[in-house]
Amino acid sequence: MNNYNSFAGVWYNSLILFQSLDMKKKLLDIAKYVKLEKLKNDKQIVAFLVCLLIATVLWFLNALSKDYTATLSYPVKYVNPPSNRFLSNTPPAKFDLKVEAHGFTLLRHKLSLSFSPIVLNISAITRNEESNSGSYTIRTENLMRRISDQVSKEISISEIRPEIITLVLDSLITKKVPVKLNIKTEFKPQFYLKEPLSATPDSVKITGPTAILDTVFSVSTESKIFERLDAQTEKMVYLLHPEKTTISPERVRINIPVERFTEKELKIPVEVRNKPEGVNIKIFPSEVKVSFLVGLGEFESINVSDFKAFVDYDTIIKNHPEDLDVKIYTKPSFIQMPKISPATVEYLIETN
C-alpha cells in the first residue's frame, strides 16, 4: 500500500511538472531521441532489444512445443447414398472437433484459411444401423476413426459435436417427361422458320424423390438466343431440372429449320358464315387478295385451296356495320405474315 501511495504521488507530481513545461518542445525532444540513428548509437538499448527479441522467440518456441487442447471446426460432405435412394434432409454442414496436439500443429491448422471437408460415405455409415422409416440416427463418436483418418495423424480427437446426426433416406422414382424448348430465334432479312423447332430426343427420363417428381410434367432447355440465322442450324443445349433430381440425357439436339422466304399473292373467294335460310346476301368484292411470305421449297405447291376466308353474318344482326371484316380461318402453317386486301367488304342483303 505504501509503495502504491508513493508511486501515485510521484505520478501526480510528474503530471503537474509536465503540464508546466512547453509541451511542443518536449515532444520534439522525444522524437529526436527515438530516431533510428540515435538508437544505433545507444548500444545499451540495442542490446536490450536484441535480448528481448531472443527471449520472446525462445518463449514462443517453448510454448508451442507443449500439448494443448483446442476446438477445430471442419466442413462435412455426405456422399454415396445407397442405390435408388437419396438424402432428403439436411444434416450438419460442419463438425466441431475437440482435439489435443502440439502447439505447432494447432497453430498450423488455425492459420489454414480452409480445411478439406470430412467426407462421410452414407452407404457405409448406415449399413449396420437400424432404420425408422428411412431415418438413421448415428452417434458421431462411432465415426471417430473415419474422421481421424481424414483429419491428421498428428491430432488426437477426444470429442465431436454434435454428438448425434440424423440421415433421412428416401426412395427415388423415374418417369419420362417431354422437353420444353426455351429458345428464341432471330433471322437475317427474308429468312424464317420453315417448320417449328424440334428437340432430339423430344422426351427424357428424370429420376428423383416422389414428392418432387409429382410436380414435374416437363423439363425445359436452358435459355438460348440464336441470332442472324440464314441456314438450317443444329445445336446441343443443356436441360434444366429441379435440385435432387437427375436426367438422362442431360442435353438434347435442337433443330432450327431455316429457309429463305419470298412473297406470293393469291386471289381467294370470301364465304358468308351464319347466314339464315331465305336470306340472300351479296358482298363486294366477292374475292380478296391474300399476300404472304412462303419458303422457296413450298412456293409452287401452295394454291388457292389452301386458304379459306369469310365474313360473319351475325355481325350484321348485332352491330349493323357498313362494311364487314374479312377473316381467314384456314391457311398453311408454314407461311409468314399473311395480309388481306381489302380487309373489309361491302354487302347487300336481298329479301324475298
Protein backbone atom coordinates (compact mmCIF):
# COMPACT_ATOMS: atom_id res chain seq x y z
CA MET A 1 0.00 0.00 0.00
CA ASN A 2 2.87 2.39 0.85
CA ASN A 3 4.52 1.58 -2.47
CA TYR A 4 1.27 2.31 -4.26
CA ASN A 5 0.87 5.68 -2.49
CA SER A 6 4.49 6.59 -3.24
CA PHE A 7 4.00 5.72 -6.93
CA ALA A 8 0.78 7.73 -7.09
CA GLY A 9 2.47 10.74 -5.56
CA VAL A 10 5.37 10.62 -7.99
CA TRP A 11 2.96 10.22 -10.93
CA TYR A 12 0.87 13.17 -9.75
CA ASN A 13 3.89 15.44 -9.26
CA SER A 14 5.27 14.44 -12.66
CA LEU A 15 1.96 15.26 -14.30
CA ILE A 16 1.94 18.76 -12.77
CA LEU A 17 5.53 19.33 -13.85
CA PHE A 18 4.87 18.09 -17.39
CA GLN A 19 1.94 20.42 -17.74
CA SER A 20 4.06 23.35 -16.65
CA LEU A 21 6.66 22.77 -19.40
CA ASP A 22 6.45 23.60 -23.04
CA MET A 23 4.54 20.60 -24.49
CA LYS A 24 5.73 21.07 -28.03
CA LYS A 25 9.41 21.29 -27.00
CA LYS A 26 9.25 18.04 -25.03
CA LEU A 27 7.56 16.15 -27.84
CA LEU A 28 10.28 17.26 -30.23
CA ASP A 29 12.95 16.09 -27.82
CA ILE A 30 11.28 12.66 -27.56
CA ALA A 31 11.02 12.39 -31.35
CA LYS A 32 14.74 13.16 -31.69
CA TYR A 33 15.60 10.54 -29.12
CA VAL A 34 13.76 7.70 -30.86
CA LYS A 35 15.32 8.36 -34.22
CA LEU A 36 16.94 5.28 -35.71
CA GLU A 37 20.42 6.83 -35.76
CA LYS A 38 20.14 7.69 -32.07
CA LEU A 39 19.12 4.13 -31.24
CA LYS A 40 22.04 2.71 -33.23
CA ASN A 41 24.48 4.79 -31.25
CA ASP A 42 22.96 3.75 -27.94
CA LYS A 43 24.46 0.26 -27.52
CA GLN A 44 22.63 -0.44 -24.30
CA ILE A 45 19.20 -0.02 -25.93
CA VAL A 46 20.22 -2.12 -28.94
CA ALA A 47 21.48 -4.89 -26.69
CA PHE A 48 18.32 -4.79 -24.63
CA LEU A 49 16.08 -5.04 -27.74
CA VAL A 50 18.08 -7.96 -29.13
CA CYS A 51 17.87 -9.81 -25.83
CA LEU A 52 14.15 -9.11 -25.64
CA LEU A 53 13.62 -10.47 -29.16
CA ILE A 54 15.62 -13.63 -28.44
CA ALA A 55 13.76 -14.21 -25.19
CA THR A 56 10.40 -13.76 -26.91
CA VAL A 57 11.29 -16.24 -29.65
CA LEU A 58 12.56 -18.82 -27.18
CA TRP A 59 9.45 -18.41 -25.03
CA PHE A 60 7.24 -18.77 -28.10
CA LEU A 61 9.05 -21.92 -29.30
CA ASN A 62 8.91 -23.44 -25.85
CA ALA A 63 5.19 -22.72 -25.59
CA LEU A 64 4.45 -24.28 -28.98
CA SER A 65 6.34 -27.45 -28.14
CA LYS A 66 3.79 -28.33 -25.46
CA ASP A 67 0.47 -30.15 -25.93
CA TYR A 68 -2.75 -28.16 -25.96
CA THR A 69 -6.48 -28.75 -26.23
CA ALA A 70 -8.45 -26.76 -28.80
CA THR A 71 -11.64 -26.89 -30.90
CA LEU A 72 -11.39 -27.04 -34.69
CA SER A 73 -14.38 -26.63 -36.99
CA TYR A 74 -14.37 -28.86 -40.09
CA PRO A 75 -16.86 -28.84 -43.02
CA VAL A 76 -18.63 -32.14 -43.75
CA LYS A 77 -19.60 -33.64 -47.12
CA TYR A 78 -22.08 -36.52 -47.42
CA VAL A 79 -21.63 -38.80 -50.45
CA ASN A 80 -22.67 -42.12 -51.97
CA PRO A 81 -26.22 -42.84 -50.73
CA PRO A 82 -27.49 -46.41 -51.29
CA SER A 83 -28.71 -47.31 -54.78
CA ASN A 84 -32.02 -45.68 -55.79
CA ARG A 85 -32.11 -43.65 -52.60
CA PHE A 86 -31.18 -40.07 -51.76
CA LEU A 87 -30.51 -37.90 -48.74
CA SER A 88 -33.74 -35.96 -48.20
CA ASN A 89 -32.84 -33.97 -45.07
CA THR A 90 -30.01 -31.51 -44.37
CA PRO A 91 -27.61 -32.93 -41.77
CA PRO A 92 -24.97 -30.72 -40.06
CA ALA A 93 -22.67 -29.00 -42.55
CA LYS A 94 -19.76 -28.91 -40.09
CA PHE A 95 -18.37 -30.76 -37.07
CA ASP A 96 -16.66 -29.10 -34.10
CA LEU A 97 -13.77 -31.34 -33.08
CA LYS A 98 -12.21 -31.11 -29.61
CA VAL A 99 -8.60 -32.10 -30.24
CA GLU A 100 -5.26 -32.46 -28.49
CA ALA A 101 -1.99 -31.76 -30.31
CA HIS A 102 1.35 -29.97 -30.17
CA GLY A 103 1.17 -26.21 -30.30
CA PHE A 104 2.93 -26.18 -33.67
CA THR A 105 0.29 -28.48 -35.18
CA LEU A 106 -2.61 -26.48 -33.78
CA LEU A 107 -1.05 -23.22 -34.95
CA ARG A 108 -0.66 -24.62 -38.47
CA HIS A 109 -4.31 -25.67 -38.52
CA LYS A 110 -5.52 -22.40 -37.06
CA LEU A 111 -3.62 -20.45 -39.70
CA SER A 112 -5.14 -22.50 -42.52
CA LEU A 113 -7.66 -20.45 -44.46
CA SER A 114 -9.88 -23.51 -45.06
CA PHE A 115 -9.97 -27.21 -44.28
CA SER A 116 -10.66 -30.04 -46.70
CA PRO A 117 -14.12 -31.37 -45.85
CA ILE A 118 -14.65 -34.55 -43.89
CA VAL A 119 -16.23 -36.97 -46.38
CA LEU A 120 -18.84 -39.37 -44.98
CA ASN A 121 -19.91 -42.34 -47.11
CA ILE A 122 -23.66 -42.63 -46.44
CA SER A 123 -23.88 -46.24 -47.62
CA ALA A 124 -21.05 -47.28 -45.30
CA ILE A 125 -22.12 -45.46 -42.14
CA THR A 126 -25.78 -46.59 -42.39
CA ARG A 127 -25.07 -50.21 -43.36
CA ASN A 128 -25.28 -51.61 -39.83
CA GLU A 129 -27.67 -49.02 -38.41
CA GLU A 130 -31.35 -49.61 -37.71
CA SER A 131 -33.76 -47.51 -39.75
CA ASN A 132 -37.04 -45.96 -38.69
CA SER A 133 -38.92 -45.37 -41.97
CA GLY A 134 -35.72 -44.43 -43.74
CA SER A 135 -34.39 -42.30 -40.86
CA TYR A 136 -31.00 -43.18 -39.37
CA THR A 137 -29.74 -41.80 -36.05
CA ILE A 138 -25.94 -42.00 -35.86
CA ARG A 139 -23.69 -41.18 -32.94
CA THR A 140 -20.66 -39.23 -34.10
CA GLU A 141 -18.43 -40.99 -31.59
CA ASN A 142 -18.89 -44.10 -33.76
CA LEU A 143 -17.41 -42.13 -36.65
CA MET A 144 -14.28 -41.17 -34.68
CA ARG A 145 -11.94 -43.47 -36.60
CA ARG A 146 -13.26 -42.44 -40.03
CA ILE A 147 -12.88 -38.78 -39.14
CA SER A 148 -9.43 -39.16 -37.53
CA ASP A 149 -8.08 -40.82 -40.69
CA GLN A 150 -9.14 -37.77 -42.71
CA VAL A 151 -8.04 -35.00 -40.36
CA SER A 152 -4.39 -35.57 -39.34
CA LYS A 153 -2.29 -38.24 -37.68
CA GLU A 154 -0.74 -35.51 -35.53
CA ILE A 155 -4.09 -34.67 -33.94
CA SER A 156 -5.94 -36.72 -31.34
CA ILE A 157 -9.74 -36.23 -31.37
CA SER A 158 -11.39 -36.51 -27.97
CA GLU A 159 -14.88 -35.23 -28.72
CA ILE A 160 -17.13 -34.46 -31.71
CA ARG A 161 -20.04 -32.03 -31.73
CA PRO A 162 -22.86 -32.58 -32.45
CA GLU A 163 -23.00 -35.92 -30.69
CA ILE A 164 -25.81 -37.23 -32.93
CA ILE A 165 -26.66 -36.72 -36.61
CA THR A 166 -29.82 -37.81 -38.40
CA LEU A 167 -29.80 -39.02 -42.01
CA VAL A 168 -33.16 -39.43 -43.76
CA LEU A 169 -33.05 -41.54 -46.93
CA ASP A 170 -35.98 -41.56 -49.35
CA SER A 171 -36.72 -43.69 -52.40
CA LEU A 172 -36.21 -42.46 -55.95
CA ILE A 173 -38.59 -42.88 -58.87
CA THR A 174 -38.09 -42.42 -62.60
CA LYS A 175 -40.53 -41.14 -65.19
CA LYS A 176 -40.45 -39.87 -68.75
CA VAL A 177 -41.35 -36.22 -69.45
CA PRO A 178 -41.39 -34.09 -72.62
CA VAL A 179 -38.74 -31.47 -73.38
CA LYS A 180 -39.92 -27.86 -73.38
CA LEU A 181 -37.94 -25.52 -75.62
CA ASN A 182 -36.85 -22.17 -74.22
CA ILE A 183 -35.26 -20.97 -77.47
CA LYS A 184 -35.53 -17.61 -79.24
CA THR A 185 -34.60 -17.17 -82.89
CA GLU A 186 -33.74 -14.09 -84.92
CA PHE A 187 -33.16 -14.16 -88.67
CA LYS A 188 -31.45 -12.25 -91.41
CA PRO A 189 -33.85 -10.43 -93.79
CA GLN A 190 -36.06 -12.78 -95.87
CA PHE A 191 -35.18 -15.83 -93.72
CA TYR A 192 -37.72 -17.52 -91.43
CA LEU A 193 -38.52 -20.85 -89.79
CA LYS A 194 -39.58 -23.42 -92.34
CA GLU A 195 -41.04 -25.65 -89.61
CA PRO A 196 -41.40 -25.43 -85.82
CA LEU A 197 -38.32 -26.02 -83.70
CA SER A 198 -37.79 -29.59 -82.55
CA ALA A 199 -35.65 -31.42 -80.00
CA THR A 200 -33.99 -34.82 -80.31
CA PRO A 201 -34.90 -36.63 -78.16
CA ASP A 202 -38.22 -34.91 -77.51
CA SER A 203 -38.55 -36.51 -74.07
CA VAL A 204 -36.13 -37.59 -71.32
CA LYS A 205 -36.06 -39.70 -68.17
CA ILE A 206 -35.94 -37.85 -64.87
CA THR A 207 -35.13 -39.53 -61.56
CA GLY A 208 -35.77 -38.05 -58.13
CA PRO A 209 -37.92 -38.05 -54.99
CA THR A 210 -41.60 -38.82 -55.42
CA ALA A 211 -42.63 -35.54 -53.78
CA ILE A 212 -40.65 -33.57 -56.36
CA LEU A 213 -41.45 -35.62 -59.45
CA ASP A 214 -45.19 -35.45 -58.75
CA THR A 215 -44.99 -31.76 -59.71
CA VAL A 216 -42.71 -32.18 -62.76
CA PHE A 217 -44.53 -32.54 -66.09
CA SER A 218 -41.77 -31.35 -68.42
CA VAL A 219 -38.16 -30.21 -68.38
CA SER A 220 -37.01 -27.02 -70.06
CA THR A 221 -33.90 -26.31 -72.05
CA GLU A 222 -31.58 -23.60 -70.85
CA SER A 223 -32.46 -20.20 -72.28
CA LYS A 224 -30.75 -19.59 -75.63
CA ILE A 225 -30.95 -16.90 -78.31
CA PHE A 226 -29.78 -17.65 -81.86
CA GLU A 227 -29.30 -14.52 -83.95
CA ARG A 228 -28.98 -13.68 -87.66
CA LEU A 229 -29.86 -17.16 -88.85
CA ASP A 230 -29.76 -17.80 -92.59
CA ALA A 231 -29.42 -21.60 -92.79
CA GLN A 232 -30.65 -24.73 -91.06
CA THR A 233 -28.95 -24.98 -87.66
CA GLU A 234 -28.46 -27.74 -85.09
CA LYS A 235 -27.21 -27.07 -81.57
CA MET A 236 -26.76 -29.10 -78.39
CA VAL A 237 -28.30 -27.44 -75.31
CA TYR A 238 -28.44 -28.49 -71.67
CA LEU A 239 -31.67 -29.25 -69.83
CA LEU A 240 -32.71 -27.68 -66.54
CA HIS A 241 -34.10 -29.84 -63.77
CA PRO A 242 -35.01 -29.46 -60.08
CA GLU A 243 -32.47 -30.00 -57.32
CA LYS A 244 -32.11 -33.56 -56.03
CA THR A 245 -33.04 -34.95 -59.45
CA THR A 246 -31.05 -36.35 -62.36
CA ILE A 247 -31.99 -36.56 -66.03
CA SER A 248 -30.90 -38.75 -68.91
CA PRO A 249 -29.74 -37.48 -71.29
CA GLU A 250 -28.61 -34.14 -69.88
CA ARG A 251 -28.54 -32.45 -73.32
CA VAL A 252 -30.74 -32.52 -76.41
CA ARG A 253 -30.12 -31.52 -80.01
CA ILE A 254 -32.17 -28.52 -81.17
CA ASN A 255 -33.08 -28.44 -84.87
CA ILE A 256 -33.78 -24.96 -86.33
CA PRO A 257 -35.08 -25.40 -89.93
CA VAL A 258 -34.33 -22.08 -91.65
CA GLU A 259 -35.30 -21.22 -95.24
CA ARG A 260 -35.31 -18.18 -97.48
CA PHE A 261 -38.83 -16.83 -97.94
CA THR A 262 -40.33 -14.91 -100.83
CA GLU A 263 -43.65 -13.15 -101.29
CA LYS A 264 -46.61 -14.68 -103.09
CA GLU A 265 -50.11 -13.38 -103.75
CA LEU A 266 -53.36 -15.27 -104.43
CA LYS A 267 -56.95 -14.24 -105.00
CA ILE A 268 -59.37 -16.23 -102.84
CA PRO A 269 -63.19 -16.26 -102.58
CA VAL A 270 -64.95 -14.93 -99.48
CA GLU A 271 -67.67 -17.02 -97.84
CA VAL A 272 -70.57 -15.81 -95.67
CA ARG A 273 -70.94 -17.72 -92.41
CA ASN A 274 -74.05 -17.98 -90.19
CA LYS A 275 -76.36 -16.82 -92.99
CA PRO A 276 -80.02 -17.68 -92.22
CA GLU A 277 -82.11 -19.62 -94.71
CA GLY A 278 -84.17 -17.46 -97.02
CA VAL A 279 -81.72 -14.55 -96.87
CA ASN A 280 -79.61 -13.64 -99.87
CA ILE A 281 -76.55 -11.51 -99.35
CA LYS A 282 -74.05 -10.23 -101.83
CA ILE A 283 -70.61 -8.94 -100.89
CA PHE A 284 -68.43 -6.58 -102.88
CA PRO A 285 -65.85 -7.67 -103.82
CA SER A 286 -66.55 -11.38 -103.60
CA GLU A 287 -62.84 -12.17 -103.72
CA VAL A 288 -59.89 -10.69 -101.86
CA LYS A 289 -56.16 -10.82 -102.35
CA VAL A 290 -54.03 -12.57 -99.75
CA SER A 291 -50.29 -11.91 -99.78
CA PHE A 292 -47.83 -13.81 -97.67
CA LEU A 293 -44.26 -14.99 -97.35
CA VAL A 294 -43.56 -18.60 -98.19
CA GLY A 295 -40.40 -20.68 -98.32
CA LEU A 296 -38.88 -21.30 -101.72
CA GLY A 297 -39.44 -25.03 -101.32
CA GLU A 298 -43.23 -24.54 -100.94
CA PHE A 299 -43.68 -21.67 -103.36
CA GLU A 300 -45.02 -23.73 -106.29
CA SER A 301 -47.14 -26.15 -104.26
CA ILE A 302 -49.25 -23.60 -102.39
CA ASN A 303 -52.54 -22.60 -104.08
CA VAL A 304 -55.99 -21.07 -103.53
CA SER A 305 -57.46 -24.23 -101.99
CA ASP A 306 -55.08 -23.88 -99.07
CA PHE A 307 -56.95 -20.75 -97.86
CA LYS A 308 -60.47 -20.10 -96.59
CA ALA A 309 -61.77 -16.55 -95.98
CA PHE A 310 -65.14 -15.48 -94.59
CA VAL A 311 -67.35 -12.70 -93.27
CA ASP A 312 -69.74 -13.26 -90.36
CA TYR A 313 -73.44 -12.54 -90.94
CA ASP A 314 -74.02 -12.33 -87.14
CA THR A 315 -72.11 -9.06 -87.02
CA ILE A 316 -74.78 -7.52 -89.26
CA ILE A 317 -77.53 -8.50 -86.82
CA LYS A 318 -75.61 -7.25 -83.77
CA ASN A 319 -73.84 -4.11 -84.98
CA HIS A 320 -75.29 -3.16 -88.39
CA PRO A 321 -71.88 -2.16 -89.76
CA GLU A 322 -71.42 -0.54 -93.13
CA ASP A 323 -68.64 -2.96 -94.03
CA LEU A 324 -67.80 -6.50 -92.95
CA ASP A 325 -64.37 -7.58 -91.77
CA VAL A 326 -62.78 -10.38 -93.77
CA LYS A 327 -61.09 -13.10 -91.71
CA ILE A 328 -59.01 -16.12 -92.68
CA TYR A 329 -59.88 -19.34 -90.88
CA THR A 330 -57.78 -21.78 -92.91
CA LYS A 331 -54.20 -21.23 -94.03
CA PRO A 332 -50.97 -23.25 -94.27
CA SER A 333 -48.92 -23.32 -91.05
CA PHE A 334 -45.64 -22.65 -92.85
CA ILE A 335 -46.46 -19.23 -94.30
CA GLN A 336 -45.47 -15.94 -92.69
CA MET A 337 -47.16 -12.54 -92.37
CA PRO A 338 -50.44 -13.12 -94.30
CA LYS A 339 -52.23 -9.90 -95.31
CA ILE A 340 -55.73 -9.45 -96.80
CA SER A 341 -56.62 -6.74 -99.31
CA PRO A 342 -59.14 -5.31 -98.96
CA ALA A 343 -59.58 -6.06 -95.27
CA THR A 344 -63.31 -5.22 -95.39
CA VAL A 345 -66.07 -5.71 -97.98
CA GLU A 346 -69.40 -4.05 -98.62
CA TYR A 347 -72.60 -6.07 -98.56
CA LEU A 348 -76.14 -6.02 -99.86
CA ILE A 349 -78.96 -8.04 -98.32
CA GLU A 350 -81.77 -9.23 -100.66
CA THR A 351 -85.05 -10.38 -99.15
CA ASN A 352 -87.90 -12.19 -100.96
